[in-house]
């Protein structure tokens, strides 16, 4: 069996993503990122022009990967799109509990903390949320054919997921995410029945 060595740049991105989810942008220093990624501090500066540039890339790459993962969950297993929404929230609740309520959305912590003070990061988070909304809106067309209503449903799902993560982390409980999943399933079914 051969082992694959992850490159320094990728290790820095992975470590930063984990640290930002758990500690936030301001709570994470470049020295800590270097230690956690088993890299030298000079390597961090070699690959990224400072902490803000590193954060922008983490938000963009982590956001794209997370969006693809959510769509993968929605497309895997449940034949009915309405049921897939509930299954996605249930999976999110399980994953959060398995991480001991430390690893939720890969960009929400940074968006809440740094987007108001760092325009580069704000723009990156806005772009990621816009991409998630567009992708989920397209997926919701299987439930609601009208593009405006499918976009409304997508935004409701995303805001419920993000809010569910915040409450679940604060309460250290799956209950908020599971309740949000039930609510979004009911909303999706109501919207589907109205078409």
N, C-alpha and C. Protein backbone atom coordinates (compact mmCIF):
# COMPACT_ATOMS: atom_id res chain seq x y z
N UNK A 1 0.85 -1.17 0.00
CA UNK A 1 0.00 0.00 0.00
C UNK A 1 0.89 1.24 0.00
N UNK A 2 0.56 2.18 -0.85
CA UNK A 2 1.34 3.40 -0.91
C UNK A 2 0.65 4.50 -0.12
N UNK A 3 1.43 5.36 0.45
CA UNK A 3 0.85 6.49 1.18
C UNK A 3 0.98 7.74 0.33
N UNK A 4 -0.02 8.58 0.42
CA UNK A 4 -0.02 9.81 -0.32
C UNK A 4 0.32 10.94 0.64
N UNK A 5 1.33 11.69 0.32
CA UNK A 5 1.73 12.81 1.17
C UNK A 5 1.00 14.05 0.68
N UNK A 6 0.27 14.65 1.58
CA UNK A 6 -0.46 15.87 1.25
C UNK A 6 0.54 17.02 1.24
N UNK A 7 0.45 17.85 0.21
CA UNK A 7 1.37 18.97 0.07
C UNK A 7 1.19 20.00 1.18
N UNK A 8 2.21 20.79 1.37
CA UNK A 8 2.21 21.81 2.43
C UNK A 8 1.05 22.78 2.28
N UNK A 9 0.81 23.24 1.08
CA UNK A 9 -0.27 24.20 0.85
C UNK A 9 -1.62 23.62 1.27
N UNK A 10 -1.87 22.38 0.88
CA UNK A 10 -3.13 21.72 1.22
C UNK A 10 -3.25 21.51 2.73
N UNK A 11 -2.13 21.16 3.37
CA UNK A 11 -2.16 20.99 4.83
C UNK A 11 -2.49 22.31 5.52
N UNK A 12 -1.93 23.40 5.01
CA UNK A 12 -2.22 24.72 5.59
C UNK A 12 -3.70 25.05 5.43
N UNK A 13 -4.25 24.82 4.24
CA UNK A 13 -5.68 25.10 4.01
C UNK A 13 -6.57 24.24 4.91
N UNK A 14 -6.25 22.97 5.03
CA UNK A 14 -7.06 22.07 5.87
C UNK A 14 -6.99 22.48 7.33
N UNK A 15 -5.81 22.72 7.84
CA UNK A 15 -5.66 23.13 9.24
C UNK A 15 -6.38 24.44 9.51
N UNK A 16 -6.24 25.39 8.59
CA UNK A 16 -6.89 26.69 8.76
C UNK A 16 -8.40 26.54 8.78
N UNK A 17 -8.93 25.73 7.90
CA UNK A 17 -10.37 25.52 7.85
C UNK A 17 -10.90 24.96 9.17
N UNK A 18 -10.21 23.98 9.70
CA UNK A 18 -10.62 23.39 10.98
C UNK A 18 -10.52 24.41 12.10
N UNK A 19 -9.42 25.12 12.16
CA UNK A 19 -9.23 26.10 13.23
C UNK A 19 -10.24 27.24 13.13
N UNK A 20 -10.51 27.71 11.94
CA UNK A 20 -11.49 28.79 11.79
C UNK A 20 -12.89 28.33 12.21
N UNK A 21 -13.28 27.10 11.84
CA UNK A 21 -14.60 26.59 12.24
C UNK A 21 -14.72 26.52 13.75
N UNK A 22 -13.65 26.14 14.40
CA UNK A 22 -13.69 25.91 15.85
C UNK A 22 -13.38 27.16 16.67
N UNK A 23 -12.49 28.03 16.18
CA UNK A 23 -12.02 29.15 16.99
C UNK A 23 -12.34 30.51 16.40
N UNK A 24 -12.71 30.53 15.13
CA UNK A 24 -12.97 31.79 14.46
C UNK A 24 -11.72 32.38 13.84
N UNK A 25 -11.92 33.47 13.14
CA UNK A 25 -10.82 34.14 12.43
C UNK A 25 -9.87 34.81 13.40
N UNK A 26 -10.39 35.63 14.30
CA UNK A 26 -9.50 36.37 15.21
C UNK A 26 -8.89 35.47 16.27
N UNK A 27 -9.52 34.37 16.57
CA UNK A 27 -9.00 33.45 17.58
C UNK A 27 -7.93 32.51 17.06
N UNK A 28 -7.61 32.62 15.79
CA UNK A 28 -6.63 31.73 15.18
C UNK A 28 -5.46 32.55 14.64
N UNK A 29 -4.27 32.23 15.12
CA UNK A 29 -3.07 32.92 14.67
C UNK A 29 -2.31 32.14 13.62
N UNK A 30 -1.49 32.84 12.87
CA UNK A 30 -0.71 32.19 11.82
C UNK A 30 0.29 31.18 12.38
N UNK A 31 0.86 31.48 13.55
CA UNK A 31 1.78 30.50 14.17
C UNK A 31 1.05 29.21 14.50
N UNK A 32 -0.16 29.34 15.01
CA UNK A 32 -0.96 28.14 15.34
C UNK A 32 -1.29 27.36 14.07
N UNK A 33 -1.61 28.07 13.00
CA UNK A 33 -1.88 27.40 11.72
C UNK A 33 -0.64 26.64 11.26
N UNK A 34 0.52 27.25 11.38
CA UNK A 34 1.77 26.59 10.99
C UNK A 34 1.98 25.32 11.80
N UNK A 35 1.78 25.41 13.11
CA UNK A 35 1.97 24.23 13.97
C UNK A 35 0.99 23.13 13.60
N UNK A 36 -0.30 23.49 13.47
CA UNK A 36 -1.33 22.49 13.19
C UNK A 36 -1.18 21.86 11.81
N UNK A 37 -0.58 22.59 10.87
CA UNK A 37 -0.41 22.04 9.52
C UNK A 37 0.95 21.39 9.33
N UNK A 38 1.75 21.36 10.38
CA UNK A 38 3.10 20.80 10.32
C UNK A 38 3.91 21.49 9.21
N UNK A 39 3.80 22.83 9.23
CA UNK A 39 4.52 23.65 8.25
C UNK A 39 5.28 24.74 8.99
N UNK A 40 6.19 25.33 8.32
CA UNK A 40 6.91 26.47 8.88
C UNK A 40 6.09 27.73 8.62
N UNK A 41 6.23 28.70 9.50
CA UNK A 41 5.52 29.97 9.34
C UNK A 41 5.88 30.62 8.01
N UNK A 42 7.12 30.45 7.59
CA UNK A 42 7.53 30.98 6.29
C UNK A 42 6.76 30.36 5.13
N UNK A 43 6.36 29.10 5.28
CA UNK A 43 5.57 28.44 4.25
C UNK A 43 4.19 29.06 4.13
N UNK A 44 3.62 29.45 5.27
CA UNK A 44 2.31 30.10 5.24
C UNK A 44 2.43 31.39 4.42
N UNK A 45 3.46 32.17 4.69
CA UNK A 45 3.65 33.42 3.94
C UNK A 45 4.06 33.17 2.49
N UNK A 46 4.73 32.05 2.25
CA UNK A 46 5.11 31.71 0.87
C UNK A 46 3.88 31.47 0.01
N UNK A 47 2.91 30.75 0.55
CA UNK A 47 1.73 30.39 -0.23
C UNK A 47 0.61 31.43 -0.18
N UNK A 48 0.57 32.22 0.88
CA UNK A 48 -0.53 33.16 1.07
C UNK A 48 0.02 34.51 1.50
N UNK A 49 -0.54 35.55 0.98
CA UNK A 49 -0.10 36.91 1.29
C UNK A 49 -0.80 37.39 2.56
N UNK A 50 -0.56 36.72 3.65
CA UNK A 50 -1.13 37.11 4.94
C UNK A 50 -2.39 36.34 5.30
N UNK A 51 -2.87 36.62 6.48
CA UNK A 51 -4.00 35.90 7.05
C UNK A 51 -5.29 36.14 6.28
N UNK A 52 -5.52 37.37 5.84
CA UNK A 52 -6.77 37.66 5.12
C UNK A 52 -6.83 36.90 3.79
N UNK A 53 -5.73 36.84 3.08
CA UNK A 53 -5.69 36.09 1.82
C UNK A 53 -5.89 34.60 2.06
N UNK A 54 -5.30 34.10 3.13
CA UNK A 54 -5.50 32.70 3.51
C UNK A 54 -6.97 32.45 3.85
N UNK A 55 -7.57 33.35 4.60
CA UNK A 55 -8.98 33.20 4.97
C UNK A 55 -9.87 33.23 3.74
N UNK A 56 -9.58 34.11 2.81
CA UNK A 56 -10.38 34.18 1.59
C UNK A 56 -10.36 32.84 0.85
N UNK A 57 -9.17 32.27 0.71
CA UNK A 57 -9.07 30.99 0.00
C UNK A 57 -9.76 29.87 0.77
N UNK A 58 -9.61 29.86 2.09
CA UNK A 58 -10.28 28.83 2.90
C UNK A 58 -11.79 28.94 2.74
N UNK A 59 -12.32 30.15 2.77
CA UNK A 59 -13.76 30.35 2.61
C UNK A 59 -14.20 29.87 1.23
N UNK A 60 -13.48 30.25 0.20
CA UNK A 60 -13.89 29.89 -1.16
C UNK A 60 -13.76 28.38 -1.43
N UNK A 61 -12.63 27.79 -1.06
CA UNK A 61 -12.46 26.36 -1.33
C UNK A 61 -13.32 25.51 -0.40
N UNK A 62 -13.35 25.87 0.89
CA UNK A 62 -14.18 25.13 1.83
C UNK A 62 -15.66 25.27 1.53
N UNK A 63 -16.05 26.48 1.11
CA UNK A 63 -17.45 26.71 0.76
C UNK A 63 -17.88 25.89 -0.45
N UNK A 64 -17.03 25.83 -1.47
CA UNK A 64 -17.36 25.04 -2.66
C UNK A 64 -17.46 23.56 -2.32
N UNK A 65 -16.53 23.07 -1.52
CA UNK A 65 -16.56 21.65 -1.13
C UNK A 65 -17.79 21.33 -0.29
N UNK A 66 -18.12 22.22 0.64
CA UNK A 66 -19.29 21.99 1.50
C UNK A 66 -20.58 22.03 0.68
N UNK A 67 -20.68 22.98 -0.25
CA UNK A 67 -21.86 23.05 -1.11
C UNK A 67 -22.04 21.78 -1.92
N UNK A 68 -20.94 21.25 -2.46
CA UNK A 68 -21.01 20.00 -3.22
C UNK A 68 -21.41 18.83 -2.33
N UNK A 69 -20.91 18.83 -1.09
CA UNK A 69 -21.25 17.76 -0.16
C UNK A 69 -22.75 17.79 0.17
N UNK A 70 -23.30 19.00 0.41
CA UNK A 70 -24.73 19.12 0.73
C UNK A 70 -25.57 18.63 -0.44
N UNK A 71 -25.22 19.03 -1.66
CA UNK A 71 -25.96 18.55 -2.82
C UNK A 71 -25.81 17.04 -2.98
N UNK A 72 -24.65 16.52 -2.66
CA UNK A 72 -24.46 15.07 -2.70
C UNK A 72 -25.38 14.34 -1.74
N UNK A 73 -25.54 14.88 -0.54
CA UNK A 73 -26.45 14.28 0.44
C UNK A 73 -27.89 14.37 -0.07
N UNK A 74 -28.26 15.51 -0.64
CA UNK A 74 -29.62 15.68 -1.15
C UNK A 74 -29.92 14.74 -2.32
N UNK A 75 -28.89 14.43 -3.11
CA UNK A 75 -29.09 13.56 -4.28
C UNK A 75 -28.87 12.09 -3.98
N UNK A 76 -28.50 11.74 -2.77
CA UNK A 76 -28.14 10.37 -2.44
C UNK A 76 -29.15 9.75 -1.48
N UNK A 77 -29.77 8.70 -1.90
CA UNK A 77 -30.60 7.93 -0.96
C UNK A 77 -32.09 8.14 -1.09
N UNK A 78 -32.58 9.33 -0.86
CA UNK A 78 -34.02 9.56 -0.87
C UNK A 78 -34.52 9.79 -2.29
N UNK A 79 -35.48 8.96 -2.72
CA UNK A 79 -35.99 9.16 -4.07
C UNK A 79 -36.85 10.42 -4.19
N UNK A 80 -37.49 10.85 -3.10
CA UNK A 80 -38.35 12.03 -3.12
C UNK A 80 -37.56 13.24 -2.63
N UNK A 81 -37.50 14.30 -3.42
CA UNK A 81 -36.74 15.48 -3.00
C UNK A 81 -37.18 16.05 -1.65
N UNK A 82 -38.48 16.04 -1.37
CA UNK A 82 -38.96 16.57 -0.08
C UNK A 82 -38.36 15.77 1.07
N UNK A 83 -38.33 14.44 0.93
CA UNK A 83 -37.74 13.60 1.98
C UNK A 83 -36.24 13.81 2.10
N UNK A 84 -35.60 14.12 0.98
CA UNK A 84 -34.15 14.35 1.00
C UNK A 84 -33.79 15.55 1.85
N UNK A 85 -34.66 16.54 1.90
CA UNK A 85 -34.39 17.73 2.73
C UNK A 85 -34.29 17.32 4.20
N UNK A 86 -35.26 16.55 4.68
CA UNK A 86 -35.22 16.07 6.06
C UNK A 86 -33.99 15.22 6.33
N UNK A 87 -33.65 14.36 5.36
CA UNK A 87 -32.47 13.50 5.51
C UNK A 87 -31.19 14.33 5.60
N UNK A 88 -31.13 15.43 4.84
CA UNK A 88 -29.94 16.29 4.87
C UNK A 88 -29.78 16.95 6.24
N UNK A 89 -30.88 17.44 6.81
CA UNK A 89 -30.81 18.04 8.14
C UNK A 89 -30.44 17.00 9.20
N UNK A 90 -30.98 15.80 9.07
CA UNK A 90 -30.64 14.73 10.01
C UNK A 90 -29.17 14.39 9.94
N UNK A 91 -28.62 14.31 8.71
CA UNK A 91 -27.19 14.03 8.55
C UNK A 91 -26.35 15.16 9.14
N UNK A 92 -26.77 16.40 8.93
CA UNK A 92 -26.03 17.54 9.49
C UNK A 92 -26.01 17.47 11.01
N UNK A 93 -27.14 17.09 11.61
CA UNK A 93 -27.22 16.97 13.07
C UNK A 93 -26.29 15.87 13.57
N UNK A 94 -26.27 14.74 12.89
CA UNK A 94 -25.39 13.63 13.29
C UNK A 94 -23.92 14.02 13.18
N UNK A 95 -23.58 14.64 12.04
CA UNK A 95 -22.18 15.05 11.82
C UNK A 95 -21.73 16.04 12.89
N UNK A 96 -22.61 16.99 13.23
CA UNK A 96 -22.26 17.98 14.24
C UNK A 96 -22.06 17.32 15.60
N UNK A 97 -22.93 16.40 15.95
CA UNK A 97 -22.79 15.71 17.23
C UNK A 97 -21.50 14.89 17.25
N UNK A 98 -21.17 14.22 16.15
CA UNK A 98 -19.96 13.42 16.08
C UNK A 98 -18.69 14.26 16.23
N UNK A 99 -18.77 15.54 15.88
CA UNK A 99 -17.62 16.43 16.04
C UNK A 99 -17.62 17.10 17.42
N UNK A 100 -18.48 16.62 18.30
CA UNK A 100 -18.65 17.21 19.63
C UNK A 100 -19.05 18.69 19.52
N UNK A 101 -19.90 18.96 18.53
CA UNK A 101 -20.47 20.30 18.31
C UNK A 101 -19.41 21.35 17.98
N UNK A 102 -18.30 20.91 17.39
CA UNK A 102 -17.23 21.83 17.05
C UNK A 102 -17.21 22.20 15.57
N UNK A 103 -17.59 21.27 14.70
CA UNK A 103 -17.45 21.48 13.26
C UNK A 103 -18.82 21.60 12.59
N UNK A 104 -19.23 22.82 12.36
CA UNK A 104 -20.49 23.04 11.66
C UNK A 104 -20.18 23.55 10.26
N UNK A 105 -20.85 24.57 9.84
CA UNK A 105 -20.64 25.17 8.52
C UNK A 105 -19.20 25.69 8.42
N UNK A 106 -18.53 25.43 7.29
CA UNK A 106 -17.13 25.84 7.18
C UNK A 106 -16.91 27.34 7.01
N UNK A 107 -17.96 28.11 6.76
CA UNK A 107 -17.74 29.55 6.58
C UNK A 107 -18.55 30.42 7.53
N UNK A 108 -19.54 29.87 8.21
CA UNK A 108 -20.43 30.70 9.03
C UNK A 108 -19.68 31.42 10.15
N UNK A 109 -18.79 30.74 10.84
CA UNK A 109 -18.05 31.37 11.94
C UNK A 109 -17.26 32.56 11.43
N UNK A 110 -16.58 32.38 10.31
CA UNK A 110 -15.79 33.46 9.74
C UNK A 110 -16.71 34.58 9.22
N UNK A 111 -17.82 34.20 8.60
CA UNK A 111 -18.74 35.21 8.08
C UNK A 111 -19.30 36.08 9.20
N UNK A 112 -19.69 35.46 10.29
CA UNK A 112 -20.25 36.22 11.41
C UNK A 112 -19.21 37.13 12.06
N UNK A 113 -18.00 36.65 12.12
CA UNK A 113 -16.97 37.36 12.88
C UNK A 113 -16.20 38.40 12.06
N UNK A 114 -15.84 38.07 10.84
CA UNK A 114 -14.89 38.92 10.11
C UNK A 114 -15.48 39.66 8.92
N UNK A 115 -16.66 39.29 8.47
CA UNK A 115 -17.20 39.91 7.26
C UNK A 115 -17.48 41.39 7.43
N UNK A 116 -17.75 41.84 8.66
CA UNK A 116 -18.05 43.26 8.85
C UNK A 116 -16.78 44.12 8.95
N UNK A 117 -15.64 43.50 9.11
CA UNK A 117 -14.40 44.27 9.27
C UNK A 117 -13.37 44.01 8.17
N UNK A 118 -13.59 42.99 7.35
CA UNK A 118 -12.65 42.64 6.30
C UNK A 118 -13.44 42.45 5.00
N UNK A 119 -13.40 43.43 4.12
CA UNK A 119 -14.23 43.38 2.93
C UNK A 119 -13.89 42.19 2.03
N UNK A 120 -12.63 41.81 1.96
CA UNK A 120 -12.24 40.67 1.14
C UNK A 120 -12.93 39.40 1.63
N UNK A 121 -12.97 39.23 2.94
CA UNK A 121 -13.62 38.05 3.52
C UNK A 121 -15.14 38.16 3.35
N UNK A 122 -15.69 39.35 3.53
CA UNK A 122 -17.13 39.54 3.34
C UNK A 122 -17.52 39.15 1.92
N UNK A 123 -16.74 39.60 0.95
CA UNK A 123 -17.06 39.28 -0.44
C UNK A 123 -16.96 37.78 -0.70
N UNK A 124 -15.95 37.14 -0.13
CA UNK A 124 -15.81 35.69 -0.31
C UNK A 124 -17.00 34.95 0.29
N UNK A 125 -17.42 35.34 1.49
CA UNK A 125 -18.57 34.66 2.10
C UNK A 125 -19.84 34.94 1.31
N UNK A 126 -20.01 36.17 0.82
CA UNK A 126 -21.19 36.51 0.01
C UNK A 126 -21.21 35.68 -1.27
N UNK A 127 -20.05 35.51 -1.89
CA UNK A 127 -19.97 34.72 -3.12
C UNK A 127 -20.31 33.25 -2.85
N UNK A 128 -19.83 32.72 -1.74
CA UNK A 128 -20.12 31.32 -1.41
C UNK A 128 -21.61 31.14 -1.13
N UNK A 129 -22.18 32.03 -0.33
CA UNK A 129 -23.61 31.92 -0.05
C UNK A 129 -24.43 32.07 -1.33
N UNK A 130 -24.02 32.95 -2.24
CA UNK A 130 -24.73 33.11 -3.52
C UNK A 130 -24.65 31.83 -4.35
N UNK A 131 -23.48 31.21 -4.38
CA UNK A 131 -23.33 29.96 -5.14
C UNK A 131 -24.19 28.85 -4.53
N UNK A 132 -24.19 28.77 -3.19
CA UNK A 132 -25.04 27.76 -2.54
C UNK A 132 -26.51 28.01 -2.87
N UNK A 133 -26.92 29.26 -2.84
CA UNK A 133 -28.32 29.60 -3.13
C UNK A 133 -28.66 29.23 -4.57
N UNK A 134 -27.78 29.55 -5.50
CA UNK A 134 -28.03 29.21 -6.91
C UNK A 134 -28.13 27.70 -7.11
N UNK A 135 -27.18 26.96 -6.54
CA UNK A 135 -27.18 25.51 -6.71
C UNK A 135 -28.41 24.88 -6.06
N UNK A 136 -28.73 25.33 -4.86
CA UNK A 136 -29.88 24.77 -4.17
C UNK A 136 -31.19 25.18 -4.85
N UNK A 137 -31.23 26.39 -5.40
CA UNK A 137 -32.42 26.82 -6.15
C UNK A 137 -32.66 25.90 -7.34
N UNK A 138 -31.60 25.57 -8.05
CA UNK A 138 -31.73 24.64 -9.18
C UNK A 138 -32.23 23.28 -8.71
N UNK A 139 -31.67 22.81 -7.60
CA UNK A 139 -32.09 21.52 -7.05
C UNK A 139 -33.57 21.58 -6.64
N UNK A 140 -34.01 22.68 -6.06
CA UNK A 140 -35.40 22.83 -5.59
C UNK A 140 -36.41 22.88 -6.72
N UNK A 141 -35.94 23.03 -7.96
CA UNK A 141 -36.87 23.02 -9.10
C UNK A 141 -37.56 21.67 -9.24
N UNK A 142 -37.00 20.63 -8.65
CA UNK A 142 -37.67 19.32 -8.64
C UNK A 142 -38.89 19.33 -7.72
N UNK A 143 -38.95 20.30 -6.82
CA UNK A 143 -40.08 20.43 -5.90
C UNK A 143 -41.04 21.51 -6.37
N UNK A 144 -40.48 22.65 -6.76
CA UNK A 144 -41.27 23.81 -7.18
C UNK A 144 -40.70 24.28 -8.52
N UNK A 145 -41.48 24.21 -9.57
CA UNK A 145 -40.98 24.53 -10.90
C UNK A 145 -40.74 26.02 -11.10
N UNK A 146 -41.47 26.86 -10.41
CA UNK A 146 -41.30 28.30 -10.56
C UNK A 146 -39.94 28.73 -10.02
N UNK A 147 -39.11 29.42 -10.83
CA UNK A 147 -37.76 29.76 -10.38
C UNK A 147 -37.72 30.69 -9.16
N UNK A 148 -38.69 31.60 -9.05
CA UNK A 148 -38.70 32.51 -7.90
C UNK A 148 -39.08 31.77 -6.62
N UNK A 149 -40.04 30.89 -6.72
CA UNK A 149 -40.46 30.12 -5.54
C UNK A 149 -39.40 29.10 -5.14
N UNK A 150 -38.72 28.51 -6.13
CA UNK A 150 -37.65 27.55 -5.80
C UNK A 150 -36.48 28.28 -5.13
N UNK A 151 -36.24 29.52 -5.54
CA UNK A 151 -35.18 30.32 -4.90
C UNK A 151 -35.59 30.66 -3.46
N UNK A 152 -36.85 31.03 -3.26
CA UNK A 152 -37.33 31.29 -1.90
C UNK A 152 -37.16 30.06 -1.01
N UNK A 153 -37.49 28.89 -1.55
CA UNK A 153 -37.34 27.65 -0.79
C UNK A 153 -35.86 27.40 -0.47
N UNK A 154 -35.00 27.63 -1.44
CA UNK A 154 -33.56 27.43 -1.22
C UNK A 154 -33.05 28.35 -0.11
N UNK A 155 -33.47 29.61 -0.14
CA UNK A 155 -33.02 30.55 0.89
C UNK A 155 -33.56 30.13 2.26
N UNK A 156 -34.80 29.67 2.32
CA UNK A 156 -35.37 29.21 3.58
C UNK A 156 -34.59 28.01 4.13
N UNK A 157 -34.23 27.09 3.24
CA UNK A 157 -33.46 25.91 3.67
C UNK A 157 -32.09 26.34 4.20
N UNK A 158 -31.39 27.20 3.47
CA UNK A 158 -30.06 27.64 3.89
C UNK A 158 -30.10 28.40 5.21
N UNK A 159 -31.06 29.31 5.36
CA UNK A 159 -31.11 30.07 6.60
C UNK A 159 -31.50 29.17 7.77
N UNK A 160 -32.35 28.19 7.53
CA UNK A 160 -32.70 27.25 8.60
C UNK A 160 -31.52 26.37 8.97
N UNK A 161 -30.75 25.96 7.99
CA UNK A 161 -29.57 25.13 8.26
C UNK A 161 -28.54 25.93 9.06
N UNK A 162 -28.24 27.15 8.63
CA UNK A 162 -27.26 27.96 9.34
C UNK A 162 -27.73 28.30 10.75
N UNK A 163 -28.99 28.70 10.88
CA UNK A 163 -29.53 28.98 12.22
C UNK A 163 -29.57 27.74 13.08
N UNK A 164 -29.89 26.61 12.47
CA UNK A 164 -29.90 25.35 13.22
C UNK A 164 -28.52 24.99 13.75
N UNK A 165 -27.49 25.25 12.93
CA UNK A 165 -26.12 25.00 13.39
C UNK A 165 -25.78 25.86 14.61
N UNK A 166 -26.14 27.13 14.55
CA UNK A 166 -25.82 28.03 15.67
C UNK A 166 -26.50 27.57 16.95
N UNK A 167 -27.81 27.29 16.87
CA UNK A 167 -28.53 26.84 18.06
C UNK A 167 -28.03 25.49 18.56
N UNK A 168 -27.77 24.57 17.63
CA UNK A 168 -27.30 23.24 18.02
C UNK A 168 -25.95 23.32 18.72
N UNK A 169 -25.06 24.17 18.23
CA UNK A 169 -23.75 24.32 18.87
C UNK A 169 -23.90 24.93 20.26
N UNK A 170 -24.75 25.95 20.37
CA UNK A 170 -24.94 26.61 21.67
C UNK A 170 -25.59 25.68 22.68
N UNK A 171 -26.55 24.88 22.23
CA UNK A 171 -27.28 23.99 23.13
C UNK A 171 -26.63 22.62 23.25
N UNK A 172 -25.63 22.35 22.40
CA UNK A 172 -25.00 21.03 22.34
C UNK A 172 -26.06 19.95 22.21
N UNK A 173 -26.90 20.14 21.20
CA UNK A 173 -28.03 19.26 20.97
C UNK A 173 -28.35 19.21 19.48
N UNK A 174 -28.76 18.05 19.03
CA UNK A 174 -29.21 17.89 17.64
C UNK A 174 -30.59 18.51 17.44
N UNK A 175 -31.33 18.73 18.51
CA UNK A 175 -32.74 19.12 18.41
C UNK A 175 -33.02 20.31 17.49
N UNK A 176 -32.25 21.40 17.56
CA UNK A 176 -32.57 22.52 16.66
C UNK A 176 -32.45 22.16 15.17
N UNK A 177 -31.45 21.39 14.80
CA UNK A 177 -31.31 21.00 13.41
C UNK A 177 -32.42 20.05 12.98
N UNK A 178 -32.79 19.14 13.86
CA UNK A 178 -33.87 18.21 13.53
C UNK A 178 -35.20 18.94 13.40
N UNK A 179 -35.45 19.91 14.28
CA UNK A 179 -36.68 20.71 14.18
C UNK A 179 -36.68 21.53 12.90
N UNK A 180 -35.54 22.12 12.55
CA UNK A 180 -35.44 22.88 11.31
C UNK A 180 -35.70 21.98 10.10
N UNK A 181 -35.18 20.76 10.15
CA UNK A 181 -35.40 19.81 9.06
C UNK A 181 -36.88 19.46 8.90
N UNK A 182 -37.56 19.25 10.02
CA UNK A 182 -39.00 18.96 9.95
C UNK A 182 -39.76 20.14 9.35
N UNK A 183 -39.41 21.35 9.79
CA UNK A 183 -40.07 22.55 9.28
C UNK A 183 -39.83 22.73 7.79
N UNK A 184 -38.60 22.53 7.35
CA UNK A 184 -38.30 22.70 5.94
C UNK A 184 -38.95 21.62 5.09
N UNK A 185 -39.05 20.41 5.61
CA UNK A 185 -39.75 19.34 4.90
C UNK A 185 -41.22 19.70 4.73
N UNK A 186 -41.85 20.21 5.80
CA UNK A 186 -43.26 20.61 5.72
C UNK A 186 -43.43 21.76 4.73
N UNK A 187 -42.54 22.75 4.78
CA UNK A 187 -42.63 23.86 3.85
C UNK A 187 -42.49 23.37 2.41
N UNK A 188 -41.51 22.53 2.16
CA UNK A 188 -41.30 22.02 0.80
C UNK A 188 -42.52 21.24 0.32
N UNK A 189 -43.10 20.44 1.19
CA UNK A 189 -44.29 19.67 0.80
C UNK A 189 -45.46 20.60 0.50
N UNK A 190 -45.64 21.62 1.32
CA UNK A 190 -46.70 22.60 1.08
C UNK A 190 -46.51 23.30 -0.25
N UNK A 191 -45.28 23.68 -0.53
CA UNK A 191 -44.98 24.36 -1.81
C UNK A 191 -45.19 23.41 -2.98
N UNK A 192 -44.81 22.15 -2.81
CA UNK A 192 -45.00 21.16 -3.89
C UNK A 192 -46.49 20.93 -4.14
N UNK A 193 -47.27 20.84 -3.06
CA UNK A 193 -48.71 20.59 -3.20
C UNK A 193 -49.43 21.77 -3.86
N UNK A 194 -48.88 22.96 -3.72
CA UNK A 194 -49.53 24.16 -4.27
C UNK A 194 -49.27 24.32 -5.76
N UNK A 195 -48.37 23.50 -6.33
CA UNK A 195 -48.09 23.65 -7.76
C UNK A 195 -48.98 22.78 -8.60
